[in-house]
């Protein structure tokens, strides 16, 4: 997601949930994701409150990796924006994963893991 109009629509029509390190805004809109050609659309926001450019970029790289890790479990037709809070740079990678998973479960955009036969 890159257009300001997409971010504005998500802010206007979507719902937000806050965690310790992240804020997650979501909107279920299958039409938007069909236009993008992927099952979901994601955007990242890291303000200058997060830190200097090097720190903001590190946080963005971590968030992209987490999105890739969770991508097969996200409900199709989801638009999401992840906003890094000022505490995000101090968090370990596992803490960011746990925070985003918790927020996604609360938002109802995360499907359950398939059971494996043991």
N, C-alpha and C. Protein backbone atom coordinates (compact mmCIF):
# COMPACT_ATOMS: atom_id res chain seq x y z
N UNK A 1 0.85 -1.15 0.00
CA UNK A 1 0.00 0.00 0.00
C UNK A 1 0.91 1.22 0.00
N UNK A 2 0.65 2.12 -0.95
CA UNK A 2 1.52 3.29 -1.05
C UNK A 2 0.76 4.60 -1.16
N UNK A 3 -0.48 4.55 -1.63
CA UNK A 3 -1.25 5.77 -1.84
C UNK A 3 -1.79 6.32 -0.53
N UNK A 4 -1.73 7.63 -0.39
CA UNK A 4 -2.26 8.28 0.81
C UNK A 4 -3.76 8.05 0.93
N UNK A 5 -4.45 7.90 -0.20
CA UNK A 5 -5.89 7.68 -0.14
C UNK A 5 -6.22 6.33 0.48
N UNK A 6 -5.37 5.31 0.24
CA UNK A 6 -5.58 4.00 0.87
C UNK A 6 -5.40 4.08 2.38
N UNK A 7 -4.37 4.78 2.81
CA UNK A 7 -4.13 4.95 4.24
C UNK A 7 -5.30 5.72 4.88
N UNK A 8 -5.78 6.75 4.19
CA UNK A 8 -6.89 7.56 4.72
C UNK A 8 -8.18 6.74 4.81
N UNK A 9 -8.45 5.91 3.80
CA UNK A 9 -9.66 5.08 3.83
C UNK A 9 -9.58 4.06 4.95
N UNK A 10 -8.43 3.48 5.13
CA UNK A 10 -8.26 2.51 6.21
C UNK A 10 -8.45 3.19 7.57
N UNK A 11 -7.94 4.38 7.71
CA UNK A 11 -8.08 5.11 8.97
C UNK A 11 -9.54 5.49 9.21
N UNK A 12 -10.24 5.85 8.13
CA UNK A 12 -11.64 6.28 8.25
C UNK A 12 -12.58 5.10 8.50
N UNK A 13 -12.42 4.00 7.74
CA UNK A 13 -13.37 2.90 7.78
C UNK A 13 -12.91 1.69 8.59
N UNK A 14 -11.62 1.62 8.89
CA UNK A 14 -11.07 0.44 9.56
C UNK A 14 -11.12 0.55 11.08
N UNK A 15 -10.55 -0.47 11.71
CA UNK A 15 -10.48 -0.53 13.17
C UNK A 15 -9.02 -0.64 13.58
N UNK A 16 -8.68 -0.03 14.70
CA UNK A 16 -7.31 -0.05 15.21
C UNK A 16 -7.24 -0.73 16.56
N UNK A 17 -6.11 -1.41 16.77
CA UNK A 17 -5.83 -2.06 18.04
C UNK A 17 -4.38 -1.75 18.40
N UNK A 18 -4.15 -1.45 19.66
CA UNK A 18 -2.81 -1.08 20.10
C UNK A 18 -2.21 -2.15 20.98
N UNK A 19 -0.94 -2.42 20.75
CA UNK A 19 -0.17 -3.33 21.58
C UNK A 19 0.95 -2.57 22.25
N UNK A 20 1.86 -3.31 22.83
CA UNK A 20 2.98 -2.69 23.53
C UNK A 20 3.95 -2.02 22.56
N UNK A 21 4.19 -2.66 21.41
CA UNK A 21 5.18 -2.16 20.46
C UNK A 21 4.58 -1.67 19.15
N UNK A 22 3.34 -2.10 18.82
CA UNK A 22 2.76 -1.83 17.52
C UNK A 22 1.30 -1.40 17.65
N UNK A 23 0.81 -0.72 16.61
CA UNK A 23 -0.60 -0.44 16.46
C UNK A 23 -1.00 -1.06 15.13
N UNK A 24 -2.10 -1.81 15.11
CA UNK A 24 -2.55 -2.50 13.90
C UNK A 24 -3.91 -1.95 13.51
N UNK A 25 -4.00 -1.41 12.29
CA UNK A 25 -5.27 -0.97 11.72
C UNK A 25 -5.64 -1.93 10.61
N UNK A 26 -6.91 -2.38 10.61
CA UNK A 26 -7.34 -3.38 9.63
C UNK A 26 -8.66 -2.97 8.99
N UNK A 27 -8.86 -3.47 7.78
CA UNK A 27 -10.10 -3.31 7.04
C UNK A 27 -10.21 -4.48 6.10
N UNK A 28 -11.36 -5.13 6.08
CA UNK A 28 -11.57 -6.24 5.17
C UNK A 28 -12.22 -5.70 3.91
N UNK A 29 -11.50 -5.71 2.80
CA UNK A 29 -11.98 -5.18 1.53
C UNK A 29 -11.42 -6.03 0.38
N UNK A 30 -12.14 -7.08 -0.03
CA UNK A 30 -11.65 -7.95 -1.10
C UNK A 30 -11.38 -7.23 -2.41
N UNK A 31 -12.13 -6.14 -2.69
CA UNK A 31 -11.93 -5.41 -3.95
C UNK A 31 -10.55 -4.78 -4.03
N UNK A 32 -10.07 -4.25 -2.91
CA UNK A 32 -8.76 -3.60 -2.90
C UNK A 32 -7.65 -4.60 -3.15
N UNK A 33 -7.77 -5.78 -2.56
CA UNK A 33 -6.72 -6.77 -2.73
C UNK A 33 -6.75 -7.39 -4.11
N UNK A 34 -7.95 -7.49 -4.72
CA UNK A 34 -8.03 -7.99 -6.10
C UNK A 34 -7.31 -7.04 -7.04
N UNK A 35 -7.45 -5.73 -6.80
CA UNK A 35 -6.78 -4.74 -7.64
C UNK A 35 -5.26 -4.84 -7.50
N UNK A 36 -4.79 -5.16 -6.31
CA UNK A 36 -3.35 -5.30 -6.06
C UNK A 36 -2.82 -6.63 -6.58
N UNK A 37 -3.68 -7.63 -6.71
CA UNK A 37 -3.25 -8.94 -7.19
C UNK A 37 -2.65 -9.83 -6.13
N UNK A 38 -2.89 -9.54 -4.86
CA UNK A 38 -2.39 -10.38 -3.78
C UNK A 38 -3.51 -10.58 -2.77
N UNK A 39 -3.42 -11.58 -1.92
CA UNK A 39 -4.51 -11.86 -0.97
C UNK A 39 -4.68 -10.81 0.12
N UNK A 40 -3.67 -10.00 0.37
CA UNK A 40 -3.78 -8.93 1.36
C UNK A 40 -2.88 -7.78 0.95
N UNK A 41 -3.14 -6.62 1.53
CA UNK A 41 -2.35 -5.41 1.26
C UNK A 41 -1.87 -4.89 2.61
N UNK A 42 -0.59 -4.57 2.70
CA UNK A 42 -0.02 -4.10 3.96
C UNK A 42 0.74 -2.80 3.76
N UNK A 43 0.70 -1.97 4.78
CA UNK A 43 1.46 -0.73 4.80
C UNK A 43 2.15 -0.60 6.15
N UNK A 44 3.28 0.08 6.16
CA UNK A 44 4.05 0.28 7.39
C UNK A 44 4.23 1.77 7.64
N UNK A 45 4.13 2.16 8.90
CA UNK A 45 4.38 3.55 9.28
C UNK A 45 5.38 3.54 10.43
N UNK A 46 6.49 4.23 10.22
CA UNK A 46 7.48 4.42 11.29
C UNK A 46 7.81 5.91 11.33
N UNK A 47 7.31 6.59 12.33
CA UNK A 47 7.53 8.03 12.43
C UNK A 47 8.91 8.31 13.02
N UNK A 48 9.26 9.57 13.05
CA UNK A 48 10.55 9.95 13.60
C UNK A 48 10.63 9.73 15.11
N UNK A 49 9.48 9.52 15.75
CA UNK A 49 9.49 9.20 17.18
C UNK A 49 10.16 7.86 17.44
N UNK A 50 10.18 6.99 16.42
CA UNK A 50 10.79 5.66 16.55
C UNK A 50 12.30 5.79 16.67
N UNK A 51 12.88 6.77 15.99
CA UNK A 51 14.33 6.96 16.07
C UNK A 51 14.89 7.55 14.79
N UNK A 52 16.20 7.53 14.68
CA UNK A 52 16.86 8.05 13.48
C UNK A 52 16.61 7.09 12.32
N UNK A 53 16.99 7.48 11.13
CA UNK A 53 16.68 6.72 9.92
C UNK A 53 17.16 5.27 9.99
N UNK A 54 18.34 5.06 10.52
CA UNK A 54 18.87 3.70 10.61
C UNK A 54 17.97 2.82 11.48
N UNK A 55 17.51 3.37 12.57
CA UNK A 55 16.64 2.63 13.49
C UNK A 55 15.29 2.37 12.84
N UNK A 56 14.71 3.40 12.21
CA UNK A 56 13.41 3.23 11.53
C UNK A 56 13.50 2.17 10.45
N UNK A 57 14.56 2.16 9.68
CA UNK A 57 14.73 1.16 8.62
C UNK A 57 14.86 -0.25 9.19
N UNK A 58 15.57 -0.39 10.30
CA UNK A 58 15.70 -1.70 10.94
C UNK A 58 14.33 -2.21 11.40
N UNK A 59 13.54 -1.33 12.00
CA UNK A 59 12.20 -1.71 12.44
C UNK A 59 11.35 -2.11 11.24
N UNK A 60 11.42 -1.35 10.14
CA UNK A 60 10.66 -1.70 8.93
C UNK A 60 11.07 -3.05 8.37
N UNK A 61 12.36 -3.33 8.35
CA UNK A 61 12.84 -4.64 7.86
C UNK A 61 12.29 -5.77 8.72
N UNK A 62 12.31 -5.58 10.03
CA UNK A 62 11.77 -6.60 10.93
C UNK A 62 10.28 -6.81 10.70
N UNK A 63 9.54 -5.71 10.54
CA UNK A 63 8.10 -5.83 10.32
C UNK A 63 7.77 -6.51 8.99
N UNK A 64 8.55 -6.21 7.95
CA UNK A 64 8.35 -6.90 6.66
C UNK A 64 8.60 -8.40 6.80
N UNK A 65 9.62 -8.77 7.55
CA UNK A 65 9.92 -10.19 7.76
C UNK A 65 8.79 -10.87 8.53
N UNK A 66 8.23 -10.18 9.50
CA UNK A 66 7.13 -10.75 10.27
C UNK A 66 5.89 -10.91 9.38
N UNK A 67 5.62 -9.92 8.54
CA UNK A 67 4.48 -10.02 7.62
C UNK A 67 4.67 -11.21 6.68
N UNK A 68 5.88 -11.38 6.16
CA UNK A 68 6.16 -12.54 5.30
C UNK A 68 5.93 -13.84 6.04
N UNK A 69 6.33 -13.88 7.29
CA UNK A 69 6.18 -15.08 8.12
C UNK A 69 4.70 -15.40 8.35
N UNK A 70 3.87 -14.38 8.51
CA UNK A 70 2.45 -14.58 8.81
C UNK A 70 1.55 -14.55 7.57
N UNK A 71 2.12 -14.31 6.40
CA UNK A 71 1.31 -14.07 5.21
C UNK A 71 0.38 -15.22 4.85
N UNK A 72 0.81 -16.47 5.05
CA UNK A 72 -0.05 -17.60 4.69
C UNK A 72 -1.20 -17.79 5.67
N UNK A 73 -1.15 -17.10 6.82
CA UNK A 73 -2.21 -17.22 7.83
C UNK A 73 -3.16 -16.03 7.84
N UNK A 74 -2.89 -14.98 7.04
CA UNK A 74 -3.76 -13.81 7.01
C UNK A 74 -4.99 -14.10 6.17
N UNK A 75 -6.13 -13.61 6.64
CA UNK A 75 -7.39 -13.79 5.93
C UNK A 75 -7.34 -13.02 4.62
N UNK A 76 -7.71 -13.68 3.49
CA UNK A 76 -7.71 -12.98 2.20
C UNK A 76 -8.66 -11.78 2.22
N UNK A 77 -8.29 -10.74 1.51
CA UNK A 77 -9.11 -9.55 1.44
C UNK A 77 -8.83 -8.55 2.56
N UNK A 78 -7.72 -8.71 3.24
CA UNK A 78 -7.40 -7.85 4.37
C UNK A 78 -6.47 -6.71 3.94
N UNK A 79 -6.82 -5.52 4.37
CA UNK A 79 -5.92 -4.36 4.26
C UNK A 79 -5.44 -4.09 5.67
N UNK A 80 -4.13 -3.96 5.84
CA UNK A 80 -3.61 -3.69 7.17
C UNK A 80 -2.49 -2.68 7.14
N UNK A 81 -2.45 -1.89 8.19
CA UNK A 81 -1.37 -0.93 8.38
C UNK A 81 -0.80 -1.19 9.76
N UNK A 82 0.52 -1.32 9.81
CA UNK A 82 1.22 -1.53 11.07
C UNK A 82 1.99 -0.25 11.39
N UNK A 83 1.69 0.30 12.55
CA UNK A 83 2.36 1.52 12.99
C UNK A 83 3.30 1.14 14.13
N UNK A 84 4.57 1.45 13.96
CA UNK A 84 5.56 1.15 15.00
C UNK A 84 5.49 2.23 16.08
N UNK A 85 5.40 1.80 17.32
CA UNK A 85 5.40 2.74 18.43
C UNK A 85 6.85 3.03 18.82
N UNK A 86 7.05 4.03 19.65
CA UNK A 86 8.42 4.44 20.02
C UNK A 86 9.16 3.34 20.77
N UNK A 87 8.42 2.35 21.31
CA UNK A 87 9.06 1.25 22.03
C UNK A 87 9.55 0.13 21.11
N UNK A 88 9.15 0.15 19.84
CA UNK A 88 9.48 -0.94 18.91
C UNK A 88 10.98 -1.18 18.73
N UNK A 89 11.83 -0.16 18.65
CA UNK A 89 13.26 -0.44 18.45
C UNK A 89 13.91 -1.20 19.59
N UNK A 90 13.36 -1.07 20.79
CA UNK A 90 13.95 -1.74 21.95
C UNK A 90 13.49 -3.19 22.08
N UNK A 91 12.48 -3.56 21.30
CA UNK A 91 11.90 -4.90 21.40
C UNK A 91 12.75 -5.92 20.65
N UNK A 92 12.77 -7.15 21.19
CA UNK A 92 13.41 -8.25 20.47
C UNK A 92 12.48 -8.66 19.33
N UNK A 93 13.04 -9.35 18.34
CA UNK A 93 12.24 -9.80 17.19
C UNK A 93 11.07 -10.66 17.66
N UNK A 94 11.31 -11.57 18.60
CA UNK A 94 10.25 -12.45 19.10
C UNK A 94 9.13 -11.66 19.77
N UNK A 95 9.48 -10.57 20.43
CA UNK A 95 8.47 -9.73 21.07
C UNK A 95 7.59 -9.04 20.02
N UNK A 96 8.20 -8.58 18.92
CA UNK A 96 7.43 -7.96 17.85
C UNK A 96 6.50 -8.98 17.20
N UNK A 97 7.00 -10.21 16.99
CA UNK A 97 6.17 -11.27 16.41
C UNK A 97 4.97 -11.55 17.33
N UNK A 98 5.23 -11.70 18.61
CA UNK A 98 4.16 -11.99 19.57
C UNK A 98 3.15 -10.85 19.62
N UNK A 99 3.61 -9.62 19.59
CA UNK A 99 2.71 -8.47 19.64
C UNK A 99 1.83 -8.41 18.40
N UNK A 100 2.43 -8.61 17.22
CA UNK A 100 1.65 -8.56 15.99
C UNK A 100 0.66 -9.73 15.91
N UNK A 101 1.08 -10.92 16.33
CA UNK A 101 0.17 -12.07 16.33
C UNK A 101 -1.01 -11.82 17.26
N UNK A 102 -0.75 -11.27 18.43
CA UNK A 102 -1.81 -10.99 19.39
C UNK A 102 -2.80 -9.97 18.81
N UNK A 103 -2.28 -8.92 18.18
CA UNK A 103 -3.15 -7.90 17.59
C UNK A 103 -3.95 -8.47 16.42
N UNK A 104 -3.31 -9.30 15.60
CA UNK A 104 -4.00 -9.90 14.45
C UNK A 104 -5.10 -10.86 14.91
N UNK A 105 -4.84 -11.61 15.97
CA UNK A 105 -5.88 -12.50 16.50
C UNK A 105 -7.04 -11.69 17.04
N UNK A 106 -6.75 -10.60 17.75
CA UNK A 106 -7.81 -9.74 18.27
C UNK A 106 -8.63 -9.13 17.14
N UNK A 107 -7.95 -8.81 16.04
CA UNK A 107 -8.64 -8.22 14.89
C UNK A 107 -9.40 -9.26 14.07
N UNK A 108 -9.10 -10.54 14.29
CA UNK A 108 -9.78 -11.59 13.56
C UNK A 108 -9.28 -11.78 12.14
N UNK A 109 -8.04 -11.38 11.87
CA UNK A 109 -7.49 -11.52 10.52
C UNK A 109 -6.47 -12.64 10.41
N UNK A 110 -6.29 -13.38 11.49
CA UNK A 110 -5.31 -14.45 11.50
C UNK A 110 -6.05 -15.78 11.61
N UNK A 111 -5.82 -16.66 10.64
CA UNK A 111 -6.44 -17.97 10.69
C UNK A 111 -5.63 -18.87 11.59
N UNK A 112 -6.23 -19.95 12.00
CA UNK A 112 -5.54 -20.88 12.88
C UNK A 112 -4.54 -21.69 12.08
N UNK A 113 -3.51 -22.14 12.77
CA UNK A 113 -2.51 -23.00 12.14
C UNK A 113 -3.13 -24.33 11.79
N UNK A 114 -2.81 -24.87 10.61
CA UNK A 114 -3.32 -26.21 10.29
C UNK A 114 -2.67 -27.24 11.21
N UNK A 115 -3.46 -28.22 11.60
CA UNK A 115 -2.94 -29.27 12.49
C UNK A 115 -2.09 -30.22 11.68
N UNK A 116 -0.97 -30.60 12.26
CA UNK A 116 -0.09 -31.56 11.60
C UNK A 116 -0.25 -32.90 12.31
N UNK A 117 -0.15 -33.96 11.53
CA UNK A 117 -0.27 -35.29 12.11
C UNK A 117 1.04 -35.65 12.80
N UNK A 118 0.94 -36.11 14.04
CA UNK A 118 2.16 -36.48 14.74
C UNK A 118 2.19 -37.94 15.06
